[in-house]
Amino acid sequence: MTLDLSVDAQVPKAAPKPGKYLFGPVADFLMLGGSAFLILPVLFFVPREYEGPLAATMVVVAYLVNYPHFAHSYQIFYRNFGRKARGDGYDRSLQLRYIFAGVVVPAIMALFFAYGAATSNTRLLGFAANAMFFFVGWHYVKQGYGMLMVDAVLKRKFFDDRDKKVLLVNSYAVWILAWLQTNTAVTRGQYYGLQYYTFAVPSWITDIAVLAAVGSTAATLLMLVNRWRKNGGGLPYNGIVAYVASLYLWILIARINPLWLLVVPALHSLQYLAVVWRYQTNVERDVADATRDPEPKMLSVLGPRYRLRVLGFIIGGAALGYLGFWLIPFLLTALIPYDSQVLGSSLFFFIVLIFINVHHYFLDNVMWRRGNPEVSKYLFR
C-alpha cells in the first residue's frame, strides 16, 4: 500500500507546469485525508452498540474502496510486465526492482505460506500477521509523505532536500513509535482464527521512540513555518492534510476508538485511489483515439473513449478485488484439505489477506518512483 515518491521524488522545476489539483480543491481535500478530520469526531458520539452495523457497512465499503485499491496496483504493475522485466525503456536498477517485487517476493511468500500450512505451524503463520502490521504501518506513512510530494508538485510549492529529510525522519519516527506501542499493548491476538504474536519491547525503548517522535514533529512544524515564509505565505495544504492524517490519525492514534479502526483502511484506500484514478485518466488520454465517441454510439452518453476506458479500469479493479479477497480463498478452502482443527476454518482467507497486503507494499515501492518513466510521464500531467 505504499505511494513511495520518496527522497528522489522531486520533479525538476523545468518540467511542464502541471494541473493544480488531482480532481478539484474539495475533492482533493476529502480524498487525500481531510475526510478523516470530519469523521473521527463524529465517531465519539456513536454508541458502542452500533459497532456491529458499522462493521457490516465497512464490509460493503471494502468492496467499493479497499479491494479496488489493492487490485489497481496489480493492474498497473503487471501491465506490460514482460517489457519491464526485459528492461525495455527502464534502467537496470528499476528493471531489477520490477523482477524482485513481481516475481521473487510472491514466490518467497508462496513458499512460506505453503510450508506453514503443510506443517500446521501456527506460530510461524502467526508471525506473518505481525509482519503485515509492520509493513502496513510503513506503507501508510510513506504514502502520506508521497501524497504531500504530489500536491507540492501540483501547487508548485516545492520542498528542498533538507525539508524532505525532515519529513521522512518524522514519518519513520511516528511509525516506529506506533508499532512499538502496539507490541507493548498486545502480546497475543487472533487474526482470522489464527494466533499471532507481538514482541516484548522494554519500556525504555518506547520512551526513546516517544522523544524521537515529539522532537521530529516539532522539527517538522518549524520546517513548515519556514517553508511557508519562503513560499510567500503558501503551502501545499491538501498534501499537508494527507501527511498529518496518515501519520497521526491513521497510525499513531488509530486505537483511540474501536470504530475508528474500522474506518481507517477505507480512508487510506480512498487516498490512494485519488492518485491512481488521476494517473490512469492521464494514461487513457494519451491514446490516439481518446477523445472520439465510443462504440456503439449508445455509450457516447458516458463521454469520450478515454472516460469509458477509465471506467473499465475501475470496474476491472472491483472485479479483481472480489476475485482475490473472496472467490480465490473460498475456492482454495473448498478444494484443498488441511487440518482445520489446528489452523481454523479461514486459513486461506488469512493467507490471501496477508499475502496481498505485504505484496502491495513491494509493488508500490517500485511503481511510484521518480525513476519510473511512466510516473514522470503521466502522474503530473
Protein backbone atom coordinates (compact mmCIF):
# COMPACT_ATOMS: atom_id res chain seq x y z
CA MET A 1 0.00 0.00 0.00
CA THR A 2 2.90 2.49 -0.49
CA LEU A 3 2.81 5.51 -2.64
CA ASP A 4 6.57 5.78 -2.48
CA LEU A 5 7.58 9.08 -4.02
CA SER A 6 10.47 9.19 -1.62
CA VAL A 7 13.64 11.28 -1.31
CA ASP A 8 14.28 11.25 -5.04
CA ALA A 9 10.73 12.22 -5.91
CA GLN A 10 11.11 15.92 -6.64
CA VAL A 11 10.12 16.70 -10.21
CA PRO A 12 12.55 19.13 -11.88
CA LYS A 13 11.22 22.67 -11.89
CA ALA A 14 11.78 22.80 -15.62
CA ALA A 15 9.06 20.20 -16.11
CA PRO A 16 5.86 21.26 -17.84
CA LYS A 17 3.53 23.06 -15.49
CA PRO A 18 1.12 20.52 -14.04
CA GLY A 19 -2.51 20.92 -13.14
CA LYS A 20 -3.30 22.49 -9.82
CA TYR A 21 -5.41 19.66 -8.43
CA LEU A 22 -5.95 15.97 -8.99
CA PHE A 23 -9.72 16.43 -9.20
CA GLY A 24 -10.51 19.77 -7.56
CA PRO A 25 -9.93 21.59 -4.26
CA VAL A 26 -12.80 19.98 -2.32
CA ALA A 27 -12.40 16.51 -3.81
CA ASP A 28 -8.65 16.54 -3.17
CA PHE A 29 -9.15 17.67 0.43
CA LEU A 30 -11.67 14.92 1.17
CA MET A 31 -9.93 12.11 -0.72
CA LEU A 32 -6.37 12.84 0.40
CA GLY A 33 -7.22 12.84 4.11
CA GLY A 34 -9.49 15.73 5.04
CA SER A 35 -12.47 13.42 5.50
CA ALA A 36 -10.64 11.84 8.46
CA PHE A 37 -10.83 15.10 10.39
CA LEU A 38 -14.59 15.20 9.78
CA ILE A 39 -15.38 11.56 10.54
CA LEU A 40 -13.26 10.92 13.65
CA PRO A 41 -15.04 13.45 15.93
CA VAL A 42 -18.42 12.05 14.91
CA LEU A 43 -17.42 8.51 15.91
CA PHE A 44 -17.00 9.55 19.53
CA PHE A 45 -20.74 10.24 19.66
CA VAL A 46 -21.70 6.90 18.09
CA PRO A 47 -22.92 4.41 20.73
CA ARG A 48 -20.82 1.26 21.03
CA GLU A 49 -23.83 -0.92 20.19
CA TYR A 50 -23.59 0.42 16.64
CA GLU A 51 -20.19 -1.21 16.18
CA GLY A 52 -21.82 -4.23 14.50
CA PRO A 53 -23.79 -2.26 11.89
CA LEU A 54 -20.76 -0.07 11.21
CA ALA A 55 -18.57 -3.13 10.72
CA ALA A 56 -21.13 -4.52 8.27
CA THR A 57 -21.16 -1.22 6.44
CA MET A 58 -17.37 -1.23 6.17
CA VAL A 59 -17.53 -4.70 4.59
CA VAL A 60 -19.60 -3.15 1.80
CA VAL A 61 -17.19 -0.21 1.60
CA ALA A 62 -14.34 -2.70 1.28
CA TYR A 63 -15.84 -3.96 -1.97
CA LEU A 64 -16.07 -0.41 -3.32
CA VAL A 65 -12.84 1.13 -1.99
CA ASN A 66 -10.42 -1.18 -0.18
CA TYR A 67 -10.35 -4.11 -2.60
CA PRO A 68 -10.09 -1.99 -5.78
CA HIS A 69 -7.22 -0.03 -4.25
CA PHE A 70 -5.23 -3.25 -3.90
CA ALA A 71 -6.32 -4.53 -7.30
CA HIS A 72 -5.33 -1.34 -9.12
CA SER A 73 -1.72 -1.80 -8.02
CA TYR A 74 -1.70 -5.21 -9.71
CA GLN A 75 -3.36 -3.81 -12.83
CA ILE A 76 -0.71 -1.12 -13.18
CA PHE A 77 2.32 -3.12 -12.03
CA TYR A 78 1.80 -6.16 -14.26
CA ARG A 79 0.66 -4.20 -17.32
CA ASN A 80 3.35 -4.81 -19.98
CA PHE A 81 5.34 -6.67 -17.34
CA GLY A 82 7.40 -8.53 -19.93
CA ARG A 83 8.77 -5.23 -21.22
CA LYS A 84 9.55 -4.12 -17.66
CA ALA A 85 11.31 -7.39 -16.84
CA ARG A 86 13.42 -7.08 -20.02
CA GLY A 87 14.38 -3.52 -19.12
CA ASP A 88 12.89 -2.14 -22.32
CA GLY A 89 12.72 1.58 -21.53
CA TYR A 90 13.71 1.09 -17.88
CA ASP A 91 17.13 1.48 -16.32
CA ARG A 92 18.88 -1.55 -14.83
CA SER A 93 18.04 -0.69 -11.23
CA LEU A 94 14.32 -0.30 -11.94
CA GLN A 95 14.31 -3.47 -14.04
CA LEU A 96 15.72 -5.46 -11.12
CA ARG A 97 13.21 -3.87 -8.75
CA TYR A 98 10.36 -4.98 -11.03
CA ILE A 99 11.68 -8.55 -11.18
CA PHE A 100 12.23 -8.72 -7.43
CA ALA A 101 8.81 -7.31 -6.48
CA GLY A 102 6.90 -9.00 -9.27
CA VAL A 103 8.47 -12.48 -9.26
CA VAL A 104 10.81 -13.10 -6.32
CA VAL A 105 8.69 -11.65 -3.49
CA PRO A 106 5.46 -13.53 -4.36
CA ALA A 107 7.43 -16.75 -4.88
CA ILE A 108 9.06 -16.44 -1.44
CA MET A 109 5.73 -15.67 0.23
CA ALA A 110 4.01 -18.56 -1.54
CA LEU A 111 6.69 -20.97 -0.32
CA PHE A 112 6.48 -19.55 3.19
CA PHE A 113 2.71 -20.00 3.44
CA ALA A 114 2.80 -23.40 1.76
CA TYR A 115 5.34 -24.64 4.29
CA GLY A 116 3.48 -23.13 7.24
CA ALA A 117 0.17 -24.65 6.15
CA ALA A 118 1.63 -28.06 5.24
CA THR A 119 3.37 -28.37 8.61
CA SER A 120 0.45 -26.81 10.54
CA ASN A 121 2.94 -24.40 12.08
CA THR A 122 0.53 -21.91 13.63
CA ARG A 123 3.24 -19.91 15.34
CA LEU A 124 5.13 -19.35 12.07
CA LEU A 125 1.94 -18.32 10.30
CA GLY A 126 1.03 -16.08 13.23
CA PHE A 127 4.25 -14.11 12.87
CA ALA A 128 3.19 -13.34 9.31
CA ALA A 129 0.32 -11.28 10.74
CA ASN A 130 2.76 -9.21 12.77
CA ALA A 131 4.89 -8.74 9.66
CA MET A 132 1.80 -7.49 7.82
CA PHE A 133 1.08 -4.91 10.53
CA PHE A 134 4.73 -3.82 10.31
CA PHE A 135 4.58 -3.27 6.55
CA VAL A 136 1.12 -1.71 6.67
CA GLY A 137 2.32 0.98 9.09
CA TRP A 138 5.40 1.64 7.00
CA HIS A 139 3.24 1.84 3.92
CA TYR A 140 0.75 4.26 5.45
CA VAL A 141 3.38 6.82 6.43
CA LYS A 142 5.24 6.53 3.13
CA GLN A 143 2.00 7.05 1.24
CA GLY A 144 1.21 10.11 3.33
CA TYR A 145 4.64 11.51 2.50
CA GLY A 146 4.14 10.66 -1.16
CA MET A 147 0.80 12.49 -1.24
CA LEU A 148 2.47 15.58 0.17
CA MET A 149 5.11 15.42 -2.56
CA VAL A 150 2.43 15.03 -5.25
CA ASP A 151 0.48 18.03 -4.01
CA ALA A 152 3.69 20.06 -3.70
CA VAL A 153 4.40 19.46 -7.38
CA LEU A 154 0.84 20.25 -8.39
CA LYS A 155 0.90 23.51 -6.44
CA ARG A 156 4.49 24.34 -7.47
CA LYS A 157 5.35 24.65 -3.78
CA PHE A 158 8.47 22.51 -3.70
CA PHE A 159 10.41 21.20 -0.71
CA ASP A 160 14.20 21.13 -0.85
CA ASP A 161 16.26 18.07 0.06
CA ARG A 162 16.66 19.15 3.68
CA ASP A 163 12.92 19.67 4.08
CA LYS A 164 12.19 16.22 2.66
CA LYS A 165 14.65 14.59 5.04
CA VAL A 166 12.87 16.22 7.97
CA LEU A 167 9.52 14.95 6.69
CA LEU A 168 10.83 11.43 6.17
CA VAL A 169 12.56 11.24 9.56
CA ASN A 170 9.34 12.34 11.21
CA SER A 171 7.38 9.75 9.21
CA TYR A 172 9.61 6.93 10.36
CA ALA A 173 9.74 8.16 13.96
CA VAL A 174 5.94 8.23 14.24
CA TRP A 175 5.61 4.86 12.52
CA ILE A 176 8.18 3.18 14.81
CA LEU A 177 6.50 4.64 17.89
CA ALA A 178 3.09 3.36 16.79
CA TRP A 179 4.49 -0.10 16.05
CA LEU A 180 6.28 -0.26 19.41
CA GLN A 181 3.12 0.82 21.21
CA THR A 182 1.21 -1.99 19.53
CA ASN A 183 3.80 -4.54 20.62
CA THR A 184 3.67 -3.17 24.17
CA ALA A 185 -0.13 -3.24 24.36
CA VAL A 186 -0.71 -6.62 22.70
CA THR A 187 1.31 -9.80 23.21
CA ARG A 188 -1.03 -12.23 21.51
CA GLY A 189 -4.14 -11.89 19.42
CA GLN A 190 -6.30 -13.65 16.86
CA TYR A 191 -6.48 -12.86 13.17
CA TYR A 192 -8.88 -14.92 11.03
CA GLY A 193 -8.82 -17.67 13.64
CA LEU A 194 -5.04 -17.91 13.92
CA GLN A 195 -2.98 -16.70 16.85
CA TYR A 196 -0.38 -14.04 16.15
CA TYR A 197 2.31 -12.82 18.50
CA THR A 198 3.90 -9.43 19.10
CA PHE A 199 7.33 -8.79 20.54
CA ALA A 200 8.16 -7.83 24.09
CA VAL A 201 9.52 -4.29 23.97
CA PRO A 202 11.26 -2.73 27.01
CA SER A 203 9.54 0.45 28.17
CA TRP A 204 12.73 2.49 27.85
CA ILE A 205 12.82 1.83 24.10
CA THR A 206 9.28 3.12 23.78
CA ASP A 207 10.24 6.18 25.83
CA ILE A 208 13.06 6.93 23.41
CA ALA A 209 10.65 6.49 20.50
CA VAL A 210 8.24 8.97 22.10
CA LEU A 211 11.00 11.56 22.43
CA ALA A 212 12.07 10.97 18.82
CA ALA A 213 8.50 11.33 17.53
CA VAL A 214 7.87 14.50 19.54
CA GLY A 215 11.19 16.01 18.52
CA SER A 216 10.76 15.20 14.84
CA THR A 217 7.19 16.53 14.90
CA ALA A 218 8.43 19.81 16.36
CA ALA A 219 11.17 19.98 13.72
CA THR A 220 8.58 19.34 11.01
CA LEU A 221 6.33 22.16 12.27
CA LEU A 222 9.30 24.53 12.33
CA MET A 223 10.30 23.50 8.81
CA LEU A 224 6.76 24.08 7.51
CA VAL A 225 6.69 27.56 9.04
CA ASN A 226 9.99 28.39 7.36
CA ARG A 227 8.79 26.92 4.05
CA TRP A 228 5.57 28.95 4.34
CA ARG A 229 7.63 32.12 4.67
CA LYS A 230 9.88 31.22 1.73
CA ASN A 231 6.83 30.47 -0.42
CA GLY A 232 5.32 33.86 0.31
CA GLY A 233 2.60 32.51 2.57
CA GLY A 234 1.73 29.40 0.58
CA LEU A 235 1.96 25.65 1.18
CA PRO A 236 0.52 22.52 -0.46
CA TYR A 237 -2.22 22.38 2.15
CA ASN A 238 -4.07 19.31 0.85
CA GLY A 239 -0.77 17.44 0.86
CA ILE A 240 -0.10 18.51 4.44
CA VAL A 241 -3.57 17.29 5.42
CA ALA A 242 -2.76 13.94 3.79
CA TYR A 243 0.58 13.76 5.61
CA VAL A 244 -0.90 14.59 9.03
CA ALA A 245 -3.86 12.22 8.61
CA SER A 246 -1.63 9.34 7.52
CA LEU A 247 0.90 9.66 10.32
CA TYR A 248 -1.13 10.74 13.28
CA LEU A 249 -4.79 9.84 12.74
CA TRP A 250 -4.32 6.55 10.88
CA ILE A 251 -1.19 5.26 12.61
CA LEU A 252 -0.33 6.90 15.91
CA ILE A 253 -3.83 7.18 17.40
CA ALA A 254 -5.56 4.50 15.33
CA ARG A 255 -6.55 2.63 18.50
CA ILE A 256 -8.21 5.67 20.09
CA ASN A 257 -11.65 4.37 19.13
CA PRO A 258 -12.69 0.83 18.11
CA LEU A 259 -14.95 2.23 15.42
CA TRP A 260 -12.10 4.31 14.03
CA LEU A 261 -10.10 1.13 13.40
CA LEU A 262 -12.90 0.00 11.08
CA VAL A 263 -12.89 3.23 9.08
CA VAL A 264 -9.16 3.95 8.67
CA PRO A 265 -8.43 1.35 5.94
CA ALA A 266 -11.16 2.81 3.72
CA LEU A 267 -9.84 6.36 4.14
CA HIS A 268 -6.31 5.21 3.36
CA SER A 269 -7.57 3.39 0.26
CA LEU A 270 -9.51 6.46 -0.88
CA GLN A 271 -6.31 8.49 -0.63
CA TYR A 272 -4.58 6.00 -2.89
CA LEU A 273 -7.44 5.93 -5.39
CA ALA A 274 -7.25 9.70 -5.85
CA VAL A 275 -3.79 9.38 -7.37
CA VAL A 276 -4.37 6.12 -9.22
CA TRP A 277 -7.55 7.32 -10.93
CA ARG A 278 -5.86 10.57 -11.96
CA TYR A 279 -2.86 8.62 -13.22
CA GLN A 280 -5.00 6.19 -15.20
CA THR A 281 -7.04 9.03 -16.67
CA ASN A 282 -3.84 10.60 -18.00
CA VAL A 283 -2.74 7.23 -19.39
CA GLU A 284 -6.00 6.83 -21.30
CA ARG A 285 -5.94 10.41 -22.54
CA ASP A 286 -2.62 9.64 -24.20
CA VAL A 287 -4.21 7.04 -26.51
CA ALA A 288 -4.67 8.23 -30.10
CA ASP A 289 -8.47 7.84 -30.18
CA ALA A 290 -9.01 9.07 -26.60
CA THR A 291 -11.39 11.90 -27.49
CA ARG A 292 -13.51 10.01 -30.03
CA ASP A 293 -17.02 8.80 -29.26
CA PRO A 294 -17.15 5.20 -28.05
CA GLU A 295 -18.70 2.35 -29.99
CA PRO A 296 -21.56 1.53 -30.00
CA LYS A 297 -22.98 5.05 -30.14
CA MET A 298 -25.31 4.43 -27.20
CA LEU A 299 -22.24 4.54 -24.96
CA SER A 300 -21.50 8.12 -26.00
CA VAL A 301 -23.60 9.33 -23.05
CA LEU A 302 -20.66 8.28 -20.87
CA GLY A 303 -18.36 10.68 -22.69
CA PRO A 304 -15.31 10.13 -24.90
CA ARG A 305 -13.49 6.82 -25.12
CA TYR A 306 -10.87 7.60 -22.53
CA ARG A 307 -13.55 8.02 -19.85
CA LEU A 308 -15.11 4.71 -20.79
CA ARG A 309 -11.72 3.03 -20.54
CA VAL A 310 -11.08 4.57 -17.11
CA LEU A 311 -14.48 3.27 -16.02
CA GLY A 312 -13.50 -0.16 -17.32
CA PHE A 313 -10.27 0.05 -15.33
CA ILE A 314 -12.22 0.85 -12.16
CA ILE A 315 -14.78 -1.91 -12.74
CA GLY A 316 -11.97 -4.34 -13.50
CA GLY A 317 -10.31 -3.40 -10.21
CA ALA A 318 -13.53 -4.09 -8.32
CA ALA A 319 -13.89 -7.48 -10.01
CA LEU A 320 -10.25 -8.37 -9.40
CA GLY A 321 -10.58 -7.34 -5.76
CA TYR A 322 -13.58 -9.62 -5.31
CA LEU A 323 -11.69 -12.43 -7.03
CA GLY A 324 -8.62 -12.04 -4.85
CA PHE A 325 -10.20 -11.43 -1.47
CA TRP A 326 -13.24 -13.68 -1.67
CA LEU A 327 -13.55 -16.07 -4.60
CA ILE A 328 -9.98 -17.42 -4.65
CA PRO A 329 -9.73 -18.12 -0.89
CA PHE A 330 -13.25 -19.57 -0.94
CA LEU A 331 -12.29 -21.99 -3.73
CA LEU A 332 -9.00 -22.89 -2.03
CA THR A 333 -10.87 -23.64 1.17
CA ALA A 334 -13.29 -25.89 -0.71
CA LEU A 335 -10.67 -27.70 -2.81
CA ILE A 336 -7.56 -28.07 -0.63
CA PRO A 337 -7.84 -30.20 2.52
CA TYR A 338 -5.98 -29.10 5.65
CA ASP A 339 -6.23 -29.53 9.42
CA SER A 340 -8.96 -27.03 10.24
CA GLN A 341 -8.91 -28.13 13.89
CA VAL A 342 -5.42 -26.65 14.19
CA LEU A 343 -5.43 -23.92 11.54
CA GLY A 344 -9.02 -22.77 11.81
CA SER A 345 -11.74 -22.55 9.21
CA SER A 346 -10.43 -19.39 7.49
CA LEU A 347 -6.83 -20.34 6.72
CA PHE A 348 -6.85 -19.30 3.07
CA PHE A 349 -8.60 -16.02 3.81
CA PHE A 350 -5.85 -15.37 6.36
CA ILE A 351 -3.12 -16.24 3.85
CA VAL A 352 -4.56 -14.27 0.94
CA LEU A 353 -5.17 -11.16 3.01
CA ILE A 354 -1.63 -11.10 4.38
CA PHE A 355 -0.13 -12.00 1.01
CA ILE A 356 -1.88 -9.14 -0.80
CA ASN A 357 -1.18 -6.57 1.92
CA VAL A 358 2.54 -7.32 2.06
CA HIS A 359 2.95 -7.74 -1.70
CA HIS A 360 1.09 -4.49 -2.28
CA TYR A 361 3.80 -2.68 -0.32
CA PHE A 362 6.55 -4.08 -2.56
CA LEU A 363 4.62 -3.33 -5.77
CA ASP A 364 4.01 0.29 -4.87
CA ASN A 365 7.58 0.75 -3.72
CA VAL A 366 8.63 0.07 -7.32
CA MET A 367 5.85 1.72 -9.31
CA TRP A 368 5.75 5.16 -7.74
CA ARG A 369 9.38 6.13 -8.05
CA ARG A 370 10.57 9.15 -9.95
CA GLY A 371 12.91 6.96 -11.99
CA ASN A 372 9.88 5.15 -13.38
CA PRO A 373 9.29 6.76 -16.80
CA GLU A 374 5.54 6.15 -16.58
CA VAL A 375 5.28 8.15 -13.36
CA SER A 376 7.21 11.05 -14.85
CA LYS A 377 5.03 10.98 -17.93
CA TYR A 378 1.55 10.55 -16.52
CA LEU A 379 1.26 11.40 -12.83
CA PHE A 380 1.74 15.16 -13.00
CA ARG A 381 0.06 15.97 -16.32
